[in-house]
PDB file of N, CA and C in Angstrom:
ATOM      1  N   MET A   1      27.851  27.370  42.044  1.00  0.00           N
ATOM      2  CA  MET A   1      26.698  26.614  42.521  1.00  0.00           C
ATOM      3  C   MET A   1      25.439  26.997  41.738  1.00  0.00           C
ATOM      4  N   LEU A   2      25.324  28.288  41.431  1.00  0.00           N
ATOM      5  CA  LEU A   2      24.170  28.747  40.671  1.00  0.00           C
ATOM      6  C   LEU A   2      24.169  28.150  39.268  1.00  0.00           C
ATOM      7  N   TYR A   3      25.370  28.031  38.678  1.00  0.00           N
ATOM      8  CA  TYR A   3      25.466  27.433  37.341  1.00  0.00           C
ATOM      9  C   TYR A   3      24.979  25.986  37.356  1.00  0.00           C
ATOM     10  N   LEU A   4      25.338  25.275  38.406  1.00  0.00           N
ATOM     11  CA  LEU A   4      24.918  23.881  38.530  1.00  0.00           C
ATOM     12  C   LEU A   4      23.394  23.780  38.624  1.00  0.00           C
ATOM     13  N   ALA A   5      22.779  24.688  39.362  1.00  0.00           N
ATOM     14  CA  ALA A   5      21.324  24.688  39.495  1.00  0.00           C
ATOM     15  C   ALA A   5      20.658  24.997  38.154  1.00  0.00           C
ATOM     16  N   VAL A   6      21.212  25.939  37.400  1.00  0.00           N
ATOM     17  CA  VAL A   6      20.656  26.294  36.091  1.00  0.00           C
ATOM     18  C   VAL A   6      20.796  25.124  35.126  1.00  0.00           C
ATOM     19  N   ILE A   7      21.966  24.501  35.104  1.00  0.00           N
ATOM     20  CA  ILE A   7      22.182  23.346  34.221  1.00  0.00           C
ATOM     21  C   ILE A   7      21.225  22.218  34.587  1.00  0.00           C
ATOM     22  N   LEU A   8      21.056  21.961  35.875  1.00  0.00           N
ATOM     23  CA  LEU A   8      20.142  20.911  36.327  1.00  0.00           C
ATOM     24  C   LEU A   8      18.704  21.229  35.920  1.00  0.00           C
ATOM     25  N   ALA A   9      18.295  22.476  36.037  1.00  0.00           N
ATOM     26  CA  ALA A   9      16.940  22.874  35.642  1.00  0.00           C
ATOM     27  C   ALA A   9      16.734  22.684  34.143  1.00  0.00           C
ATOM     28  N   VAL A  10      17.734  23.031  33.344  1.00  0.00           N
ATOM     29  CA  VAL A  10      17.633  22.864  31.890  1.00  0.00           C
ATOM     30  C   VAL A  10      17.537  21.387  31.535  1.00  0.00           C
ATOM     31  N   VAL A  11      18.366  20.565  32.159  1.00  0.00           N
ATOM     32  CA  VAL A  11      18.337  19.119  31.887  1.00  0.00           C
ATOM     33  C   VAL A  11      16.983  18.532  32.269  1.00  0.00           C
ATOM     34  N   ILE A  12      16.468  18.899  33.422  1.00  0.00           N
ATOM     35  CA  ILE A  12      15.165  18.386  33.861  1.00  0.00           C
ATOM     36  C   ILE A  12      14.067  18.818  32.895  1.00  0.00           C
ATOM     37  N   SER A  13      14.111  20.065  32.427  1.00  0.00           N
ATOM     38  CA  SER A  13      13.071  20.526  31.501  1.00  0.00           C
ATOM     39  C   SER A  13      13.150  19.776  30.174  1.00  0.00           C
ATOM     40  N   PHE A  14      14.362  19.496  29.681  1.00  0.00           N
ATOM     41  CA  PHE A  14      14.490  18.717  28.449  1.00  0.00           C
ATOM     42  C   PHE A  14      13.957  17.303  28.631  1.00  0.00           C
ATOM     43  N   VAL A  15      14.267  16.691  29.763  1.00  0.00           N
ATOM     44  CA  VAL A  15      13.792  15.329  30.026  1.00  0.00           C
ATOM     45  C   VAL A  15      12.271  15.310  30.107  1.00  0.00           C
ATOM     46  N   LEU A  16      11.687  16.255  30.816  1.00  0.00           N
ATOM     47  CA  LEU A  16      10.226  16.301  30.920  1.00  0.00           C
ATOM     48  C   LEU A  16       9.583  16.561  29.557  1.00  0.00           C
ATOM     49  N   GLY A  17      10.196  17.403  28.750  1.00  0.00           N
ATOM     50  CA  GLY A  17       9.686  17.650  27.401  1.00  0.00           C
ATOM     51  C   GLY A  17       9.738  16.398  26.547  1.00  0.00           C
ATOM     52  N   ALA A  18      10.835  15.656  26.645  1.00  0.00           N
ATOM     53  CA  ALA A  18      10.959  14.413  25.877  1.00  0.00           C
ATOM     54  C   ALA A  18       9.919  13.396  26.324  1.00  0.00           C
ATOM     55  N   VAL A  19       9.686  13.306  27.623  1.00  0.00           N
ATOM     56  CA  VAL A  19       8.673  12.379  28.136  1.00  0.00           C
ATOM     57  C   VAL A  19       7.287  12.782  27.634  1.00  0.00           C
ATOM     58  N   LEU A  20       6.983  14.061  27.636  1.00  0.00           N
ATOM     59  CA  LEU A  20       5.687  14.536  27.156  1.00  0.00           C
ATOM     60  C   LEU A  20       5.489  14.200  25.683  1.00  0.00           C
ATOM     61  N   VAL A  21       6.512  14.428  24.864  1.00  0.00           N
ATOM     62  CA  VAL A  21       6.414  14.106  23.437  1.00  0.00           C
ATOM     63  C   VAL A  21       6.201  12.613  23.249  1.00  0.00           C
ATOM     64  N   TYR A  22       6.926  11.792  24.000  1.00  0.00           N
ATOM     65  CA  TYR A  22       6.786  10.335  23.893  1.00  0.00           C
ATOM     66  C   TYR A  22       5.378   9.886  24.276  1.00  0.00           C
ATOM     67  N   VAL A  23       4.852  10.433  25.357  1.00  0.00           N
ATOM     68  CA  VAL A  23       3.510  10.042  25.811  1.00  0.00           C
ATOM     69  C   VAL A  23       2.458  10.441  24.784  1.00  0.00           C
ATOM     70  N   ARG A  24       2.567  11.632  24.216  1.00  0.00           N
ATOM     71  CA  ARG A  24       1.590  12.069  23.211  1.00  0.00           C
ATOM     72  C   ARG A  24       1.672  11.208  21.967  1.00  0.00           C
ATOM     73  N   PHE A  25       2.887  10.871  21.532  1.00  0.00           N
ATOM     74  CA  PHE A  25       3.068  10.029  20.349  1.00  0.00           C
ATOM     75  C   PHE A  25       2.516   8.637  20.605  1.00  0.00           C
ATOM     76  N   SER A  26       2.769   8.081  21.789  1.00  0.00           N
ATOM     77  CA  SER A  26       2.266   6.749  22.128  1.00  0.00           C
ATOM     78  C   SER A  26       0.745   6.739  22.151  1.00  0.00           C
ATOM     79  N   SER A  27       0.153   7.788  22.680  1.00  0.00           N
ATOM     80  CA  SER A  27      -1.302   7.878  22.737  1.00  0.00           C
ATOM     81  C   SER A  27      -1.890   7.921  21.334  1.00  0.00           C
ATOM     82  N   ARG A  28      -1.276   8.688  20.443  1.00  0.00           N
ATOM     83  CA  ARG A  28      -1.758   8.780  19.065  1.00  0.00           C
ATOM     84  C   ARG A  28      -1.631   7.424  18.369  1.00  0.00           C
ATOM     85  N   GLN A  29      -0.508   6.742  18.577  1.00  0.00           N
ATOM     86  CA  GLN A  29      -0.307   5.431  17.966  1.00  0.00           C
ATOM     87  C   GLN A  29      -1.332   4.435  18.501  1.00  0.00           C
ATOM     88  N   ALA A  30      -1.640   4.507  19.787  1.00  0.00           N
ATOM     89  CA  ALA A  30      -2.623   3.595  20.372  1.00  0.00           C
ATOM     90  C   ALA A  30      -4.002   3.833  19.766  1.00  0.00           C
ATOM     91  N   LYS A  31      -4.362   5.087  19.536  1.00  0.00           N
ATOM     92  CA  LYS A  31      -5.659   5.386  18.921  1.00  0.00           C
ATOM     93  C   LYS A  31      -5.725   4.826  17.511  1.00  0.00           C
ATOM     94  N   ILE A  32      -4.633   4.979  16.744  1.00  0.00           N
ATOM     95  CA  ILE A  32      -4.600   4.445  15.381  1.00  0.00           C
ATOM     96  C   ILE A  32      -4.715   2.931  15.418  1.00  0.00           C
ATOM     97  N   HIS A  33      -3.993   2.310  16.353  1.00  0.00           N
ATOM     98  CA  HIS A  33      -4.025   0.860  16.492  1.00  0.00           C
ATOM     99  C   HIS A  33      -5.435   0.377  16.825  1.00  0.00           C
ATOM    100  N   ASN A  34      -6.077   1.036  17.790  1.00  0.00           N
ATOM    101  CA  ASN A  34      -7.427   0.640  18.195  1.00  0.00           C
ATOM    102  C   ASN A  34      -8.410   0.787  17.045  1.00  0.00           C
ATOM    103  N   GLN A  35      -8.308   1.862  16.280  1.00  0.00           N
ATOM    104  CA  GLN A  35      -9.191   2.070  15.132  1.00  0.00           C
ATOM    105  C   GLN A  35      -8.988   0.968  14.108  1.00  0.00           C
ATOM    106  N   TYR A  36      -7.737   0.607  13.851  1.00  0.00           N
ATOM    107  CA  TYR A  36      -7.426  -0.445  12.872  1.00  0.00           C
ATOM    108  C   TYR A  36      -8.046  -1.773  13.293  1.00  0.00           C
ATOM    109  N   PHE A  37      -7.881  -2.157  14.557  1.00  0.00           N
ATOM    110  CA  PHE A  37      -8.423  -3.434  15.008  1.00  0.00           C
ATOM    111  C   PHE A  37      -9.945  -3.402  15.094  1.00  0.00           C
ATOM    112  N   ARG A  38     -10.523  -2.247  15.392  1.00  0.00           N
ATOM    113  CA  ARG A  38     -11.982  -2.126  15.391  1.00  0.00           C
ATOM    114  C   ARG A  38     -12.518  -2.356  13.978  1.00  0.00           C
ATOM    115  N   GLU A  39     -11.853  -1.767  12.975  1.00  0.00           N
ATOM    116  CA  GLU A  39     -12.281  -1.964  11.589  1.00  0.00           C
ATOM    117  C   GLU A  39     -12.093  -3.412  11.155  1.00  0.00           C
ATOM    118  N   LEU A  40     -11.005  -4.042  11.588  1.00  0.00           N
ATOM    119  CA  LEU A  40     -10.811  -5.463  11.270  1.00  0.00           C
ATOM    120  C   LEU A  40     -11.938  -6.306  11.850  1.00  0.00           C
ATOM    121  N   GLN A  41     -12.320  -6.030  13.085  1.00  0.00           N
ATOM    122  CA  GLN A  41     -13.395  -6.790  13.724  1.00  0.00           C
ATOM    123  C   GLN A  41     -14.716  -6.569  12.998  1.00  0.00           C
ATOM    124  N   GLU A  42     -15.002  -5.326  12.603  1.00  0.00           N
ATOM    125  CA  GLU A  42     -16.235  -5.047  11.865  1.00  0.00           C
ATOM    126  C   GLU A  42     -16.248  -5.779  10.528  1.00  0.00           C
ATOM    127  N   ASN A  43     -15.111  -5.785   9.817  1.00  0.00           N
ATOM    128  CA  ASN A  43     -15.036  -6.496   8.542  1.00  0.00           C
ATOM    129  C   ASN A  43     -15.251  -7.984   8.737  1.00  0.00           C
ATOM    130  N   TYR A  44     -14.670  -8.543   9.785  1.00  0.00           N
ATOM    131  CA  TYR A  44     -14.837  -9.971  10.062  1.00  0.00           C
ATOM    132  C   TYR A  44     -16.303 -10.282  10.363  1.00  0.00           C
ATOM    133  N   ASN A  45     -16.937  -9.430  11.154  1.00  0.00           N
ATOM    134  CA  ASN A  45     -18.351  -9.639  11.471  1.00  0.00           C
ATOM    135  C   ASN A  45     -19.208  -9.562  10.215  1.00  0.00           C
ATOM    136  N   LEU A  46     -18.902  -8.617   9.319  1.00  0.00           N
ATOM    137  CA  LEU A  46     -19.654  -8.509   8.069  1.00  0.00           C
ATOM    138  C   LEU A  46     -19.447  -9.742   7.194  1.00  0.00           C
ATOM    139  N   GLU A  47     -18.225 -10.259   7.162  1.00  0.00           N
ATOM    140  CA  GLU A  47     -17.968 -11.472   6.387  1.00  0.00           C
ATOM    141  C   GLU A  47     -18.750 -12.647   6.951  1.00  0.00           C
ATOM    142  N   LEU A  48     -18.822 -12.747   8.265  1.00  0.00           N
ATOM    143  CA  LEU A  48     -19.605 -13.824   8.881  1.00  0.00           C
ATOM    144  C   LEU A  48     -21.087 -13.675   8.545  1.00  0.00           C
ATOM    145  N   GLN A  49     -21.589 -12.457   8.568  1.00  0.00           N
ATOM    146  CA  GLN A  49     -22.995 -12.233   8.221  1.00  0.00           C
ATOM    147  C   GLN A  49     -23.256 -12.601   6.770  1.00  0.00           C
ATOM    148  N   ASN A  50     -22.340 -12.232   5.874  1.00  0.00           N
ATOM    149  CA  ASN A  50     -22.506 -12.584   4.461  1.00  0.00           C
ATOM    150  C   ASN A  50     -22.494 -14.087   4.271  1.00  0.00           C
ATOM    151  N   LYS A  51     -21.590 -14.761   4.962  1.00  0.00           N
ATOM    152  CA  LYS A  51     -21.514 -16.227   4.864  1.00  0.00           C
ATOM    153  C   LYS A  51     -22.817 -16.856   5.364  1.00  0.00           C
ATOM    154  N   TRP A  52     -23.310 -16.370   6.486  1.00  0.00           N
ATOM    155  CA  TRP A  52     -24.540 -16.914   7.052  1.00  0.00           C
ATOM    156  C   TRP A  52     -25.719 -16.675   6.102  1.00  0.00           C
ATOM    157  N   LEU A  53     -25.784 -15.480   5.500  1.00  0.00           N
ATOM    158  CA  LEU A  53     -26.864 -15.180   4.558  1.00  0.00           C
ATOM    159  C   LEU A  53     -26.790 -16.079   3.333  1.00  0.00           C
ATOM    160  N   LYS A  54     -25.597 -16.299   2.802  1.00  0.00           N
ATOM    161  CA  LYS A  54     -25.453 -17.178   1.643  1.00  0.00           C
ATOM    162  C   LYS A  54     -25.890 -18.591   1.974  1.00  0.00           C
ATOM    163  N   GLU A  55     -25.467 -19.080   3.140  1.00  0.00           N
ATOM    164  CA  GLU A  55     -25.861 -20.432   3.544  1.00  0.00           C
ATOM    165  C   GLU A  55     -27.369 -20.524   3.732  1.00  0.00           C
ATOM    166  N   SER A  56     -27.958 -19.501   4.320  1.00  0.00           N
ATOM    167  CA  SER A  56     -29.409 -19.513   4.529  1.00  0.00           C
ATOM    168  C   SER A  56     -30.149 -19.506   3.198  1.00  0.00           C
ATOM    169  N   LEU A  57     -29.680 -18.687   2.253  1.00  0.00           N
ATOM    170  CA  LEU A  57     -30.325 -18.636   0.940  1.00  0.00           C
ATOM    171  C   LEU A  57     -30.136 -19.938   0.178  1.00  0.00           C
ATOM    172  N   GLN A  58     -28.990 -20.560   0.333  1.00  0.00           N
ATOM    173  CA  GLN A  58     -28.771 -21.843  -0.333  1.00  0.00           C
ATOM    174  C   GLN A  58     -29.703 -22.900   0.237  1.00  0.00           C
ATOM    175  N   LYS A  59     -29.933 -22.858   1.531  1.00  0.00           N
ATOM    176  CA  LYS A  59     -30.854 -23.815   2.151  1.00  0.00           C
ATOM    177  C   LYS A  59     -32.270 -23.600   1.637  1.00  0.00           C
ATOM    178  N   LEU A  60     -32.591 -22.368   1.337  1.00  0.00           N
ATOM    179  CA  LEU A  60     -33.932 -22.067   0.827  1.00  0.00           C
ATOM    180  C   LEU A  60     -33.997 -22.194  -0.694  1.00  0.00           C
ATOM    181  N   ASN A  61     -32.873 -22.589  -1.312  1.00  0.00           N
ATOM    182  CA  ASN A  61     -32.770 -22.738  -2.766  1.00  0.00           C
ATOM    183  C   ASN A  61     -33.085 -21.438  -3.500  1.00  0.00           C
ATOM    184  N   LEU A  62     -32.687 -20.353  -2.927  1.00  0.00           N
ATOM    185  CA  LEU A  62     -32.925 -19.064  -3.569  1.00  0.00           C
ATOM    186  C   LEU A  62     -31.666 -18.528  -4.241  1.00  0.00           C
ATOM    187  N   LEU A  63     -30.550 -19.179  -3.987  1.00  0.00           N
ATOM    188  CA  LEU A  63     -29.305 -18.675  -4.563  1.00  0.00           C
ATOM    189  C   LEU A  63     -28.695 -19.721  -5.468  1.00  0.00           C
TER     190      LEU A  63
END
């Protein structure tokens, strides 16, 4: 009976360790993903600003 309890404790500790590793990896991947999409949004906003500036300068015949 004691062997069964020890085996069960070892199995539970391995499962909890695997879950912890998975959660940490998922969190890191989510941070990378969020940073990537934040940079994409910033680049898109900058492109829109550049387009607007070019159009404004063309209207003023400065470009």
